[in-house]
C-alpha atoms as a PDB file:
ATOM      1  CA  MET A   1       0.098   0.016  -0.205  1.00  0.00           C
ATOM      2  CA  LYS A   2       1.259   3.686  -1.202  1.00  0.00           C
ATOM      3  CA  THR A   3      -0.217   6.953   1.119  1.00  0.00           C
ATOM      4  CA  LEU A   4       0.523   9.875  -0.181  1.00  0.00           C
ATOM      5  CA  ALA A   5      -0.492  13.390   1.823  1.00  0.00           C
ATOM      6  CA  ARG A   6      -0.861  16.445   0.787  1.00  0.00           C
ATOM      7  CA  THR A   7      -1.828  19.952   2.101  1.00  0.00           C
ATOM      8  CA  LEU A   8      -4.015  21.953  -0.346  1.00  0.00           C
ATOM      9  CA  GLU A   9      -5.234  25.670  -0.104  1.00  0.00           C
ATOM     10  CA  VAL A  10      -8.479  26.889  -1.604  1.00  0.00           C
ATOM     11  CA  ILE A  11      -7.248  30.126  -3.177  1.00  0.00           C
ATOM     12  CA  THR A  12     -10.123  31.629  -4.730  1.00  0.00           C
ATOM     13  CA  PRO A  13     -14.028  31.855  -3.038  1.00  0.00           C
ATOM     14  CA  CYS A  14     -15.162  27.846  -3.223  1.00  0.00           C
ATOM     15  CA  LEU A  15     -18.785  27.374  -2.976  1.00  0.00           C
ATOM     16  CA  SER A  16     -18.451  23.321  -2.262  1.00  0.00           C
ATOM     17  CA  GLY A  17     -22.096  22.614  -0.891  1.00  0.00           C
ATOM     18  CA  GLY A  18     -23.066  18.986   0.732  1.00  0.00           C
ATOM     19  CA  ALA A  19     -26.371  18.488   2.570  1.00  0.00           C
ATOM     20  CA  HIS A  20     -27.290  21.934   3.058  1.00  0.00           C
ATOM     21  CA  PRO A  21     -25.473  24.382   0.245  1.00  0.00           C
ATOM     22  CA  GLN A  22     -27.470  27.637   1.776  1.00  0.00           C
ATOM     23  CA  LYS A  23     -25.961  27.465   5.286  1.00  0.00           C
ATOM     24  CA  GLN A  24     -22.507  24.931   5.507  1.00  0.00           C
ATOM     25  CA  ALA A  25     -19.811  24.317   2.783  1.00  0.00           C
ATOM     26  CA  GLU A  26     -17.816  21.148   2.630  1.00  0.00           C
ATOM     27  CA  ILE A  27     -14.867  19.850   1.402  1.00  0.00           C
ATOM     28  CA  ARG A  28     -15.781  15.971   0.553  1.00  0.00           C
ATOM     29  CA  ALA A  29     -14.037  12.966  -0.395  1.00  0.00           C
ATOM     30  CA  PRO A  30     -16.361  11.816  -2.991  1.00  0.00           C
ATOM     31  CA  SER A  31     -15.415  15.173  -4.998  1.00  0.00           C
ATOM     32  CA  ILE A  32     -12.300  14.990  -5.075  1.00  0.00           C
ATOM     33  CA  ARG A  33     -12.505  11.202  -6.015  1.00  0.00           C
ATOM     34  CA  GLY A  34     -15.048  12.657  -9.238  1.00  0.00           C
ATOM     35  CA  GLN A  35     -12.740  15.434 -10.207  1.00  0.00           C
ATOM     36  CA  LEU A  36      -8.940  12.760 -10.079  1.00  0.00           C
ATOM     37  CA  ARG A  37     -11.732  10.792 -12.275  1.00  0.00           C
ATOM     38  CA  TRP A  38     -12.196  13.608 -14.377  1.00  0.00           C
ATOM     39  CA  TRP A  39      -8.841  14.898 -14.335  1.00  0.00           C
ATOM     40  CA  PHE A  40      -7.620  10.763 -15.287  1.00  0.00           C
ATOM     41  CA  ARG A  41     -10.001  10.340 -18.113  1.00  0.00           C
ATOM     42  CA  SER A  42      -8.896  14.024 -19.861  1.00  0.00           C
ATOM     43  CA  LEU A  43      -5.665  12.696 -19.614  1.00  0.00           C
ATOM     44  CA  GLY A  44      -5.926   9.629 -21.549  1.00  0.00           C
ATOM     45  CA  GLY A  45      -5.505   7.176 -18.649  1.00  0.00           C
ATOM     46  CA  PHE A  46      -2.018   6.287 -17.680  1.00  0.00           C
ATOM     47  CA  LYS A  47       0.594   5.573 -20.023  1.00  0.00           C
ATOM     48  CA  SER A  48       2.348   2.568 -17.889  1.00  0.00           C
ATOM     49  CA  MET A  49      -1.577   0.781 -18.464  1.00  0.00           C
ATOM     50  CA  LEU A  50      -1.402   0.886 -21.712  1.00  0.00           C
ATOM     51  CA  PRO A  51      -2.861  -1.189 -24.260  1.00  0.00           C
ATOM     52  CA  ARG A  52      -5.576  -1.127 -21.992  1.00  0.00           C
ATOM     53  CA  PRO A  53      -8.146   1.096 -23.130  1.00  0.00           C
ATOM     54  CA  VAL A  54      -9.433   3.694 -20.769  1.00  0.00           C
ATOM     55  CA  ASP A  55     -12.396   2.463 -19.187  1.00  0.00           C
ATOM     56  CA  ALA A  56     -10.765  -0.493 -18.360  1.00  0.00           C
ATOM     57  CA  GLN A  57      -7.948   1.676 -16.672  1.00  0.00           C
ATOM     58  CA  GLU A  58     -10.368   3.484 -15.277  1.00  0.00           C
ATOM     59  CA  LYS A  59     -12.663   0.179 -13.758  1.00  0.00           C
ATOM     60  CA  ALA A  60      -9.137  -0.838 -12.144  1.00  0.00           C
ATOM     61  CA  VAL A  61      -7.864   2.466 -10.356  1.00  0.00           C
ATOM     62  CA  PHE A  62     -11.855   3.703  -9.278  1.00  0.00           C
ATOM     63  CA  GLY A  63     -13.400   0.593  -8.822  1.00  0.00           C
ATOM     64  CA  HIS A  64     -16.956   0.203 -10.580  1.00  0.00           C
ATOM     65  CA  ALA A  65     -20.474  -1.662  -9.604  1.00  0.00           C
ATOM     66  CA  SER A  66     -20.908  -3.316 -13.445  1.00  0.00           C
ATOM     67  CA  ALA A  67     -22.145  -6.912 -12.871  1.00  0.00           C
ATOM     68  CA  PRO A  68     -20.939  -9.814 -12.811  1.00  0.00           C
ATOM     69  CA  ASP A  69     -17.215  -8.349 -11.793  1.00  0.00           C
ATOM     70  CA  SER A  70     -18.121  -5.193  -9.606  1.00  0.00           C
ATOM     71  CA  GLN A  71     -15.030  -3.904  -7.393  1.00  0.00           C
ATOM     72  CA  ALA A  72     -14.159  -1.585  -5.345  1.00  0.00           C
ATOM     73  CA  SER A  73     -11.787   1.023  -5.557  1.00  0.00           C
ATOM     74  CA  PRO A  74      -8.220   0.332  -4.678  1.00  0.00           C
ATOM     75  CA  LEU A  75      -7.973   4.650  -4.278  1.00  0.00           C
ATOM     76  CA  VAL A  76      -8.942   5.491  -1.161  1.00  0.00           C
ATOM     77  CA  VAL A  77      -9.841   8.845  -0.386  1.00  0.00           C
ATOM     78  CA  ARG A  78      -9.791  11.241   3.115  1.00  0.00           C
ATOM     79  CA  VAL A  79     -10.008  14.783   3.711  1.00  0.00           C
ATOM     80  CA  TRP A  80      -9.638  16.456   6.564  1.00  0.00           C
ATOM     81  CA  ALA A  81      -9.049  20.108   8.006  1.00  0.00           C
ATOM     82  CA  GLU A  82      -6.236  21.539   8.715  1.00  0.00           C
ATOM     83  CA  PRO A  83      -6.087  23.082  11.283  1.00  0.00           C
ATOM     84  CA  PRO A  84      -9.376  21.684  12.365  1.00  0.00           C
ATOM     85  CA  ARG A  85     -11.231  24.958  12.235  1.00  0.00           C
ATOM     86  CA  SER A  86      -9.472  26.281   9.191  1.00  0.00           C
ATOM     87  CA  LEU A  87     -12.281  25.562   6.920  1.00  0.00           C
ATOM     88  CA  GLY A  88     -14.698  28.474   8.185  1.00  0.00           C
ATOM     89  CA  CYS A  89     -16.902  29.414   5.619  1.00  0.00           C
ATOM     90  CA  HIS A  90     -19.981  31.858   5.623  1.00  0.00           C
ATOM     91  CA  THR A  91     -22.983  32.524   3.371  1.00  0.00           C
ATOM     92  CA  ALA A  92     -22.457  34.702   0.100  1.00  0.00           C
ATOM     93  CA  ARG A  93     -26.439  36.283  -0.180  1.00  0.00           C
ATOM     94  CA  ASP A  94     -25.463  36.634  -3.847  1.00  0.00           C
ATOM     95  CA  ALA A  95     -22.415  37.330  -6.657  1.00  0.00           C
ATOM     96  CA  GLU A  96     -21.968  41.330  -5.011  1.00  0.00           C
ATOM     97  CA  GLY A  97     -21.376  39.117  -2.163  1.00  0.00           C
ATOM     98  CA  LEU A  98     -18.555  37.376  -3.340  1.00  0.00           C
ATOM     99  CA  ARG A  99     -17.090  41.170  -4.025  1.00  0.00           C
ATOM    100  CA  ALA A 100     -18.491  41.104  -7.723  1.00  0.00           C
ATOM    101  CA  PRO A 101     -20.891  44.114  -7.835  1.00  0.00           C
ATOM    102  CA  ALA A 102     -23.686  43.860 -10.770  1.00  0.00           C
ATOM    103  CA  GLY A 103     -21.485  45.021 -13.878  1.00  0.00           C
ATOM    104  CA  SER A 104     -17.865  44.460 -12.824  1.00  0.00           C
ATOM    105  CA  ASP A 105     -15.518  41.937 -15.026  1.00  0.00           C
ATOM    106  CA  ARG A 106     -16.139  39.357 -11.725  1.00  0.00           C
ATOM    107  CA  ASP A 107     -19.549  39.262 -12.315  1.00  0.00           C
ATOM    108  CA  TYR A 108     -19.349  38.518 -15.461  1.00  0.00           C
ATOM    109  CA  LEU A 109     -18.267  34.846 -14.550  1.00  0.00           C
ATOM    110  CA  LEU A 110     -20.728  34.955 -11.254  1.00  0.00           C
ATOM    111  CA  PHE A 111     -23.959  35.490 -12.745  1.00  0.00           C
ATOM    112  CA  PRO A 112     -25.739  32.807 -11.799  1.00  0.00           C
ATOM    113  CA  LEU A 113     -25.729  33.631  -8.285  1.00  0.00           C
ATOM    114  CA  HIS A 114     -27.467  36.506  -8.686  1.00  0.00           C
ATOM    115  CA  ASN A 115     -30.033  36.211  -5.794  1.00  0.00           C
ATOM    116  CA  SER A 116     -29.083  32.962  -4.596  1.00  0.00           C
ATOM    117  CA  ALA A 117     -27.783  32.450  -0.957  1.00  0.00           C
ATOM    118  CA  ARG A 118     -24.964  29.774  -0.917  1.00  0.00           C
ATOM    119  CA  ALA A 119     -22.438  29.054   1.686  1.00  0.00           C
ATOM    120  CA  VAL A 120     -18.630  30.119   0.631  1.00  0.00           C
ATOM    121  CA  PHE A 121     -15.420  29.447   1.610  1.00  0.00           C
ATOM    122  CA  ASP A 122     -13.554  32.910   1.038  1.00  0.00           C
ATOM    123  CA  PRO A 123     -10.298  33.501   1.290  1.00  0.00           C
ATOM    124  CA  PRO A 124      -8.096  35.332   2.373  1.00  0.00           C
ATOM    125  CA  PRO A 125      -6.702  34.202   4.553  1.00  0.00           C
ATOM    126  CA  PHE A 126      -6.348  30.490   2.405  1.00  0.00           C
ATOM    127  CA  PRO A 127      -8.726  27.356   4.248  1.00  0.00           C
ATOM    128  CA  ARG A 128      -6.684  24.727   4.202  1.00  0.00           C
ATOM    129  CA  PHE A 129      -7.944  21.322   4.024  1.00  0.00           C
ATOM    130  CA  ASN A 130      -5.067  17.536   4.133  1.00  0.00           C
ATOM    131  CA  LEU A 131      -5.611  15.159   1.682  1.00  0.00           C
ATOM    132  CA  GLU A 132      -4.926  11.811   1.604  1.00  0.00           C
ATOM    133  CA  LEU A 133      -5.003   8.874  -1.136  1.00  0.00           C
ATOM    134  CA  GLN A 134      -4.464   5.616  -0.148  1.00  0.00           C
ATOM    135  CA  TRP A 135      -3.304   3.766  -3.363  1.00  0.00           C
ATOM    136  CA  ARG A 136      -3.815  -0.840  -2.283  1.00  0.00           C
ATOM    137  CA  GLY A 137      -3.820  -1.625  -6.001  1.00  0.00           C
ATOM    138  CA  GLU A 138      -1.000  -2.746  -8.287  1.00  0.00           C
ATOM    139  CA  SER A 139       2.170  -1.692  -6.501  1.00  0.00           C
ATOM    140  CA  GLY A 140       3.905  -0.607 -10.086  1.00  0.00           C
ATOM    141  CA  LEU A 141       0.930   2.169 -10.257  1.00  0.00           C
ATOM    142  CA  GLY A 142       1.548   3.762  -7.002  1.00  0.00           C
ATOM    143  CA  ASP A 143       3.963   6.714  -9.142  1.00  0.00           C
ATOM    144  CA  ASP A 144       1.000   7.225 -11.777  1.00  0.00           C
ATOM    145  CA  ILE A 145      -1.346   8.060  -8.286  1.00  0.00           C
ATOM    146  CA  GLU A 146       1.224  10.453  -7.207  1.00  0.00           C
ATOM    147  CA  ALA A 147       1.274  11.929 -10.546  1.00  0.00           C
ATOM    148  CA  LEU A 148      -2.669  12.158 -10.421  1.00  0.00           C
ATOM    149  CA  LEU A 149      -2.576  13.923  -7.262  1.00  0.00           C
ATOM    150  CA  ALA A 150      -0.045  16.306  -8.686  1.00  0.00           C
ATOM    151  CA  VAL A 151      -2.265  17.201 -11.741  1.00  0.00           C
ATOM    152  CA  PHE A 152      -5.020  17.930  -9.271  1.00  0.00           C
ATOM    153  CA  GLY A 153      -3.104  20.039  -7.235  1.00  0.00           C
ATOM    154  CA  HIS A 154      -1.751  22.073  -9.480  1.00  0.00           C
ATOM    155  CA  TRP A 155      -4.537  22.263 -12.362  1.00  0.00           C
ATOM    156  CA  GLY A 156      -7.801  21.249  -9.661  1.00  0.00           C
ATOM    157  CA  SER A 157     -11.188  23.151  -8.506  1.00  0.00           C
ATOM    158  CA  LEU A 158     -13.683  22.390  -6.505  1.00  0.00           C
ATOM    159  CA  GLY A 159     -17.202  23.378  -6.439  1.00  0.00           C
ATOM    160  CA  PHE A 160     -19.918  25.423  -8.439  1.00  0.00           C
ATOM    161  CA  ARG A 161     -18.540  27.763 -10.985  1.00  0.00           C
ATOM    162  CA  SER A 162     -15.188  25.573 -10.578  1.00  0.00           C
ATOM    163  CA  ARG A 163     -14.444  26.141 -14.558  1.00  0.00           C
ATOM    164  CA  ARG A 164     -14.873  29.669 -13.802  1.00  0.00           C
ATOM    165  CA  ALA A 165     -11.934  30.584 -11.778  1.00  0.00           C
ATOM    166  CA  LEU A 166     -14.058  29.905  -8.558  1.00  0.00           C
ATOM    167  CA  GLY A 167     -12.776  26.992  -5.809  1.00  0.00           C
ATOM    168  CA  ALA A 168      -8.870  27.068  -7.242  1.00  0.00           C
ATOM    169  CA  LEU A 169      -6.613  24.994  -5.367  1.00  0.00           C
ATOM    170  CA  ALA A 170      -3.099  25.021  -4.452  1.00  0.00           C
ATOM    171  CA  PHE A 171      -0.520  22.860  -2.930  1.00  0.00           C
ATOM    172  CA  ALA A 172       0.526  24.811   0.086  1.00  0.00           C
ATOM    173  CA  HIS A 173       3.978  24.176   0.241  1.00  0.00           C
ATOM    174  CA  ASP A 174       6.386  21.926  -1.847  1.00  0.00           C
ATOM    175  CA  PRO A 175       4.420  21.488  -5.035  1.00  0.00           C
ATOM    176  CA  PRO A 176       5.647  18.466  -6.872  1.00  0.00           C
ATOM    177  CA  PRO A 177       7.028  19.216  -9.860  1.00  0.00           C
ATOM    178  CA  LEU A 178       4.185  19.259 -12.666  1.00  0.00           C
ATOM    179  CA  ALA A 179       6.556  18.683 -15.664  1.00  0.00           C
ATOM    180  CA  ALA A 180       7.573  15.146 -14.627  1.00  0.00           C
ATOM    181  CA  ALA A 181       3.861  14.283 -13.969  1.00  0.00           C
ATOM    182  CA  LEU A 182       2.552  15.012 -16.835  1.00  0.00           C
ATOM    183  CA  PRO A 183       4.701  12.454 -19.434  1.00  0.00           C
ATOM    184  CA  ARG A 184       3.226   9.514 -16.982  1.00  0.00           C
ATOM    185  CA  PHE A 185      -0.031  10.242 -18.659  1.00  0.00           C
ATOM    186  CA  ALA A 186      -0.917   8.779 -22.142  1.00  0.00           C
ATOM    187  CA  ARG A 187      -2.631  11.857 -23.772  1.00  0.00           C
ATOM    188  CA  PRO A 188      -0.936  15.032 -22.138  1.00  0.00           C
ATOM    189  CA  ASP A 189      -1.861  16.462 -25.449  1.00  0.00           C
ATOM    190  CA  ARG A 190      -4.751  16.832 -25.001  1.00  0.00           C
ATOM    191  CA  ILE A 191      -4.724  19.987 -23.002  1.00  0.00           C
ATOM    192  CA  LEU A 192      -3.284  23.234 -24.390  1.00  0.00           C
ATOM    193  CA  VAL A 193      -2.768  25.585 -21.355  1.00  0.00           C
ATOM    194  CA  LYS A 194      -1.747  29.148 -21.959  1.00  0.00           C
ATOM    195  CA  LYS A 195      -1.212  31.665 -19.279  1.00  0.00           C
ATOM    196  CA  MET A 196      -1.257  35.625 -18.173  1.00  0.00           C
ATOM    197  CA  ARG A 197      -0.287  37.298 -15.705  1.00  0.00           C
ATOM    198  CA  ALA A 198      -1.455  38.303 -12.325  1.00  0.00           C
ATOM    199  CA  HIS A 199      -0.676  40.205  -9.249  1.00  0.00           C
ATOM    200  CA  ASP A 200      -2.437  38.407  -6.744  1.00  0.00           C
ATOM    201  CA  PRO A 201      -5.371  35.368  -7.142  1.00  0.00           C
ATOM    202  CA  ASN A 202      -8.447  38.327  -6.948  1.00  0.00           C
ATOM    203  CA  HIS A 203      -6.729  40.284  -9.535  1.00  0.00           C
ATOM    204  CA  ALA A 204      -6.143  36.374 -11.633  1.00  0.00           C
ATOM    205  CA  VAL A 205      -9.929  35.910 -11.497  1.00  0.00           C
ATOM    206  CA  THR A 206     -10.963  39.613 -12.737  1.00  0.00           C
ATOM    207  CA  VAL A 207      -7.858  38.909 -15.868  1.00  0.00           C
ATOM    208  CA  LEU A 208      -9.686  36.271 -16.853  1.00  0.00           C
ATOM    209  CA  ALA A 209     -13.224  37.229 -16.083  1.00  0.00           C
ATOM    210  CA  GLN A 210     -12.030  40.687 -18.933  1.00  0.00           C
ATOM    211  CA  TRP A 211     -10.093  37.771 -21.141  1.00  0.00           C
ATOM    212  CA  LEU A 212     -13.888  35.658 -21.532  1.00  0.00           C
ATOM    213  CA  LYS A 213     -15.864  38.466 -21.809  1.00  0.00           C
ATOM    214  CA  LYS A 214     -13.876  39.865 -25.094  1.00  0.00           C
ATOM    215  CA  TRP A 215     -14.565  36.634 -26.143  1.00  0.00           C
ATOM    216  CA  ARG A 216     -18.227  36.409 -25.701  1.00  0.00           C
ATOM    217  CA  ALA A 217     -19.832  39.550 -25.165  1.00  0.00           C
ATOM    218  CA  TYR A 218     -21.787  41.016 -27.800  1.00  0.00           C
ATOM    219  CA  GLY A 219     -20.421  43.633 -26.820  1.00  0.00           C
ATOM    220  CA  ARG A 220     -22.701  46.764 -28.636  1.00  0.00           C
ATOM    221  CA  THR A 221     -24.780  47.768 -25.523  1.00  0.00           C
ATOM    222  CA  ALA A 222     -25.073  51.994 -24.610  1.00  0.00           C
ATOM    223  CA  GLY A 223     -23.715  52.704 -28.054  1.00  0.00           C
ATOM    224  CA  ASN A 224     -20.116  51.448 -27.296  1.00  0.00           C
ATOM    225  CA  GLN A 225     -19.080  50.728 -31.225  1.00  0.00           C
ATOM    226  CA  LEU A 226     -15.356  50.259 -29.868  1.00  0.00           C
ATOM    227  CA  ASN A 227     -16.983  47.018 -28.514  1.00  0.00           C
ATOM    228  CA  ARG A 228     -17.281  45.945 -32.143  1.00  0.00           C
ATOM    229  CA  PHE A 229     -13.313  44.956 -32.751  1.00  0.00           C
ATOM    230  CA  LYS A 230     -13.111  42.821 -29.526  1.00  0.00           C
ATOM    231  CA  PRO A 231     -11.595  39.593 -31.139  1.00  0.00           C
ATOM    232  CA  GLY A 232     -15.318  37.797 -30.810  1.00  0.00           C
ATOM    233  CA  PHE A 233     -17.440  40.459 -31.509  1.00  0.00           C
ATOM    234  CA  ALA A 234     -18.171  38.657 -34.976  1.00  0.00           C
ATOM    235  CA  PHE A 235     -19.143  35.442 -33.541  1.00  0.00           C
ATOM    236  CA  ALA A 236     -21.084  37.057 -30.474  1.00  0.00           C
ATOM    237  CA  LYS A 237     -22.785  38.940 -33.245  1.00  0.00           C
ATOM    238  CA  ASN A 238     -23.844  35.866 -34.657  1.00  0.00           C
ATOM    239  CA  ASP A 239     -25.044  34.132 -32.235  1.00  0.00           C
ATOM    240  CA  HIS A 240     -26.818  36.787 -30.446  1.00  0.00           C
ATOM    241  CA  ASP A 241     -28.885  37.167 -34.339  1.00  0.00           C
ATOM    242  CA  ALA A 242     -29.397  33.554 -34.466  1.00  0.00           C
ATOM    243  CA  GLY A 243     -31.607  33.313 -31.443  1.00  0.00           C
ATOM    244  CA  ARG A 244     -34.467  35.298 -33.554  1.00  0.00           C
ATOM    245  CA  ASN A 245     -33.493  34.064 -37.116  1.00  0.00           C
ATOM    246  CA  ARG A 246     -33.934  30.221 -37.396  1.00  0.00           C
ATOM    247  CA  ARG A 247     -31.377  30.153 -40.989  1.00  0.00           C
ATOM    248  CA  LEU A 248     -28.566  31.775 -39.061  1.00  0.00           C
ATOM    249  CA  ASN A 249     -25.617  28.750 -39.321  1.00  0.00           C
ATOM    250  CA  PRO A 250     -23.355  27.879 -37.574  1.00  0.00           C
ATOM    251  CA  THR A 251     -23.426  29.139 -34.146  1.00  0.00           C
ATOM    252  CA  TYR A 252     -20.361  29.593 -31.943  1.00  0.00           C
ATOM    253  CA  ARG A 253     -20.963  29.714 -28.067  1.00  0.00           C
ATOM    254  CA  PRO A 254     -22.404  26.355 -27.152  1.00  0.00           C
ATOM    255  CA  ALA A 255     -19.015  25.357 -27.716  1.00  0.00           C
ATOM    256  CA  LEU A 256     -18.235  27.226 -24.436  1.00  0.00           C
ATOM    257  CA  GLY A 257     -21.202  26.159 -22.410  1.00  0.00           C
ATOM    258  CA  LEU A 258     -24.947  25.387 -22.232  1.00  0.00           C
ATOM    259  CA  PRO A 259     -27.315  25.967 -21.501  1.00  0.00           C
ATOM    260  CA  ILE A 260     -27.825  29.300 -22.498  1.00  0.00           C
ATOM    261  CA  VAL A 261     -31.034  31.216 -21.638  1.00  0.00           C
ATOM    262  CA  GLN A 262     -31.369  34.433 -24.559  1.00  0.00           C
ATOM    263  CA  ARG A 263     -32.773  37.963 -23.459  1.00  0.00           C
ATOM    264  CA  PHE A 264     -33.113  40.816 -26.177  1.00  0.00           C
ATOM    265  CA  SER A 265     -33.678  44.386 -24.901  1.00  0.00           C
ATOM    266  CA  GLY A 266     -36.543  44.925 -27.488  1.00  0.00           C
ATOM    267  CA  GLY A 267     -38.777  42.410 -25.662  1.00  0.00           C
ATOM    268  CA  GLY A 268     -39.791  39.389 -27.202  1.00  0.00           C
ATOM    269  CA  HIS A 269     -40.020  35.528 -25.362  1.00  0.00           C
ATOM    270  CA  PRO A 270     -36.095  34.921 -23.809  1.00  0.00           C
ATOM    271  CA  VAL A 271     -34.956  32.061 -26.025  1.00  0.00           C
ATOM    272  CA  ARG A 272     -33.307  28.700 -24.548  1.00  0.00           C
ATOM    273  CA  TRP A 273     -30.231  27.012 -26.058  1.00  0.00           C
ATOM    274  CA  GLU A 274     -29.618  23.678 -24.979  1.00  0.00           C
ATOM    275  CA  TYR A 275     -27.614  20.379 -25.405  1.00  0.00           C
ATOM    276  CA  GLY A 276     -28.998  18.091 -27.194  1.00  0.00           C
ATOM    277  CA  ALA A 277     -30.338  16.520 -30.644  1.00  0.00           C
ATOM    278  CA  GLY A 278     -34.210  16.786 -29.346  1.00  0.00           C
ATOM    279  CA  GLN A 279     -35.114  12.762 -30.081  1.00  0.00           C
ATOM    280  CA  PRO A 280     -36.929  10.771 -27.097  1.00  0.00           C
ATOM    281  CA  ASN A 281     -33.341   8.958 -26.878  1.00  0.00           C
ATOM    282  CA  HIS A 282     -31.426  12.420 -26.606  1.00  0.00           C
ATOM    283  CA  PRO A 283     -33.182  14.617 -24.002  1.00  0.00           C
ATOM    284  CA  ARG A 284     -31.950  18.138 -24.303  1.00  0.00           C
ATOM    285  CA  GLY A 285     -29.346  19.299 -21.144  1.00  0.00           C
ATOM    286  CA  ARG A 286     -26.168  21.045 -20.432  1.00  0.00           C
ATOM    287  CA  PHE A 287     -22.618  20.768 -21.759  1.00  0.00           C
ATOM    288  CA  ALA A 288     -20.028  21.702 -19.586  1.00  0.00           C
ATOM    289  CA  SER A 289     -17.507  23.853 -21.409  1.00  0.00           C
ATOM    290  CA  PRO A 290     -13.805  22.467 -22.021  1.00  0.00           C
ATOM    291  CA  VAL A 291     -12.259  26.215 -21.695  1.00  0.00           C
ATOM    292  CA  LEU A 292     -11.031  26.025 -17.760  1.00  0.00           C
ATOM    293  CA  LEU A 293     -10.507  29.686 -16.286  1.00  0.00           C
ATOM    294  CA  ARG A 294      -7.610  29.105 -13.317  1.00  0.00           C
ATOM    295  CA  PRO A 295      -5.878  31.029 -11.180  1.00  0.00           C
ATOM    296  CA  TYR A 296      -2.473  29.917 -10.481  1.00  0.00           C
ATOM    297  CA  ARG A 297       0.525  29.710  -7.522  1.00  0.00           C
ATOM    298  CA  ASP A 298       3.716  28.269  -9.335  1.00  0.00           C
ATOM    299  CA  ALA A 299       6.566  27.064  -7.283  1.00  0.00           C
ATOM    300  CA  GLN A 300       8.007  30.878  -7.112  1.00  0.00           C
ATOM    301  CA  GLN A 301       4.740  32.246  -5.206  1.00  0.00           C
ATOM    302  CA  GLN A 302       4.175  33.876  -8.940  1.00  0.00           C
ATOM    303  CA  TRP A 303       0.765  34.678  -9.694  1.00  0.00           C
ATOM    304  CA  LEU A 304      -0.599  33.755 -13.279  1.00  0.00           C
ATOM    305  CA  ALA A 305      -3.541  33.347 -14.972  1.00  0.00           C
ATOM    306  CA  LEU A 306      -4.506  30.312 -16.752  1.00  0.00           C
ATOM    307  CA  VAL A 307      -6.460  28.996 -19.411  1.00  0.00           C
ATOM    308  CA  LEU A 308      -6.893  24.656 -19.688  1.00  0.00           C
ATOM    309  CA  PHE A 309      -8.516  23.995 -23.628  1.00  0.00           C
ATOM    310  CA  VAL A 310      -9.612  20.335 -22.641  1.00  0.00           C
ATOM    311  CA  ASP A 311     -10.046  19.010 -26.046  1.00  0.00           C
ATOM    312  CA  HIS A 312     -11.187  15.602 -24.985  1.00  0.00           C
ATOM    313  CA  HIS A 313     -14.234  17.112 -23.634  1.00  0.00           C
ATOM    314  CA  GLN A 314     -15.317  19.578 -27.237  1.00  0.00           C
ATOM    315  CA  TRP A 315     -17.804  19.627 -28.667  1.00  0.00           C
ATOM    316  CA  PRO A 316     -18.643  16.494 -30.709  1.00  0.00           C
ATOM    317  CA  ASP A 317     -18.596  16.092 -33.936  1.00  0.00           C
ATOM    318  CA  GLY A 318     -21.804  17.086 -35.821  1.00  0.00           C
ATOM    319  CA  HIS A 319     -23.710  16.899 -32.825  1.00  0.00           C
ATOM    320  CA  LYS A 320     -26.268  19.986 -32.779  1.00  0.00           C
ATOM    321  CA  VAL A 321     -27.638  22.476 -30.431  1.00  0.00           C
ATOM    322  CA  VAL A 322     -31.255  22.943 -30.001  1.00  0.00           C
ATOM    323  CA  VAL A 323     -32.208  26.944 -29.774  1.00  0.00           C
ATOM    324  CA  ASP A 324     -35.809  26.714 -28.704  1.00  0.00           C
ATOM    325  CA  GLY A 325     -36.938  23.389 -29.788  1.00  0.00           C
ATOM    326  CA  GLN A 326     -34.870  23.529 -33.469  1.00  0.00           C
ATOM    327  CA  PRO A 327     -31.541  21.720 -34.576  1.00  0.00           C
ATOM    328  CA  ARG A 328     -28.694  24.046 -35.449  1.00  0.00           C
ATOM    329  CA  THR A 329     -25.216  23.609 -35.982  1.00  0.00           C
ATOM    330  CA  VAL A 330     -21.929  24.484 -34.093  1.00  0.00           C
ATOM    331  CA  SER A 331     -18.840  25.134 -35.237  1.00  0.00           C
ATOM    332  CA  LEU A 332     -15.513  25.246 -33.485  1.00  0.00           C
ATOM    333  CA  ASP A 333     -14.020  28.374 -35.179  1.00  0.00           C
ATOM    334  CA  LEU A 334     -14.534  30.556 -32.186  1.00  0.00           C
ATOM    335  CA  TYR A 335     -13.265  27.750 -29.410  1.00  0.00           C
ATOM    336  CA  GLU A 336     -10.029  27.154 -32.081  1.00  0.00           C
ATOM    337  CA  ALA A 337      -9.655  31.073 -31.806  1.00  0.00           C
ATOM    338  CA  MET A 338      -9.481  31.642 -28.673  1.00  0.00           C
ATOM    339  CA  LYS A 339      -6.789  29.383 -28.658  1.00  0.00           C
ATOM    340  CA  LYS A 340      -4.541  31.428 -30.902  1.00  0.00           C
ATOM    341  CA  ASP A 341      -5.419  34.631 -28.938  1.00  0.00           C
ATOM    342  CA  PRO A 342      -1.981  36.324 -28.918  1.00  0.00           C
ATOM    343  CA  ALA A 343      -2.834  37.712 -25.397  1.00  0.00           C
ATOM    344  CA  LEU A 344      -2.029  33.837 -23.699  1.00  0.00           C
ATOM    345  CA  LEU A 345       1.412  32.915 -23.369  1.00  0.00           C
ATOM    346  CA  ALA A 346       2.938  29.397 -23.320  1.00  0.00           C
ATOM    347  CA  PHE A 347       2.632  27.380 -19.970  1.00  0.00           C
ATOM    348  CA  PRO A 348       5.285  27.381 -18.287  1.00  0.00           C
END
């Protein structure tokens, strides 16, 4: 058995609820297990387990309940606060309670929190917790499990809006080298990481919000015609108009996350964009964005704003978005253009 123990810090506000999410924020072992599984899939499984396919690898590492050969996971996850009472929380009544007043850049990332009370771990000071992984499986996979922990500690996050800069994590001390961990996975090339400079975690959230907004916002409100020169203006204008014109194809923004509820200043009923082809066996629903925004602290204690493009989870070829019940074509052109933004620098 191999035991790995690390102390992690929550470096941006974390809305990680348990049984009573409006009253008590919690960091739970099942949530972390789910995140470890997600990174494992996204990176194509362990190179050392090839040629076994990823789904077979996943069953061997995380266990499965499929009959007749179900098995418990040999990976045990435990978590507790460090020190015992360091994970204090309060209730944020809305986005403004998270220092994101209406119209601010941070508010752009937190719009689902308007008029929504949730318990939140709100640094600084950075709340800490201990994470322990016990590996009881094949002895030769111990270093691979350690690499998975390294990726989670560097790039991971927890809780609601975790893809949009909340709940970001960092190792409290002595971070394991990410460069040594990634080669242990079969497909590290599935994740493209870019960076921008930041002064502190709060500034990193703002930098990321500004960057996403310039690609996604339509930006012609209040007569501000200069906004049309933002990199994403042509894509955003097309998608804005597509909500009213059923003949406009393709659309772009669905590839960055769904559902979308589109409202028009001129009135009329809201338009809902959902994931799915609309058939009875393929219900409409949500699509999680493959673009992850991460405030990040490197080994030299410098702050960065990371943008991760997770190609493994990008919009599937040939899939339609449903706009008020009507299927539309989706293009990855916006997603690919974002990758090439000259404002993003190579990481590390």
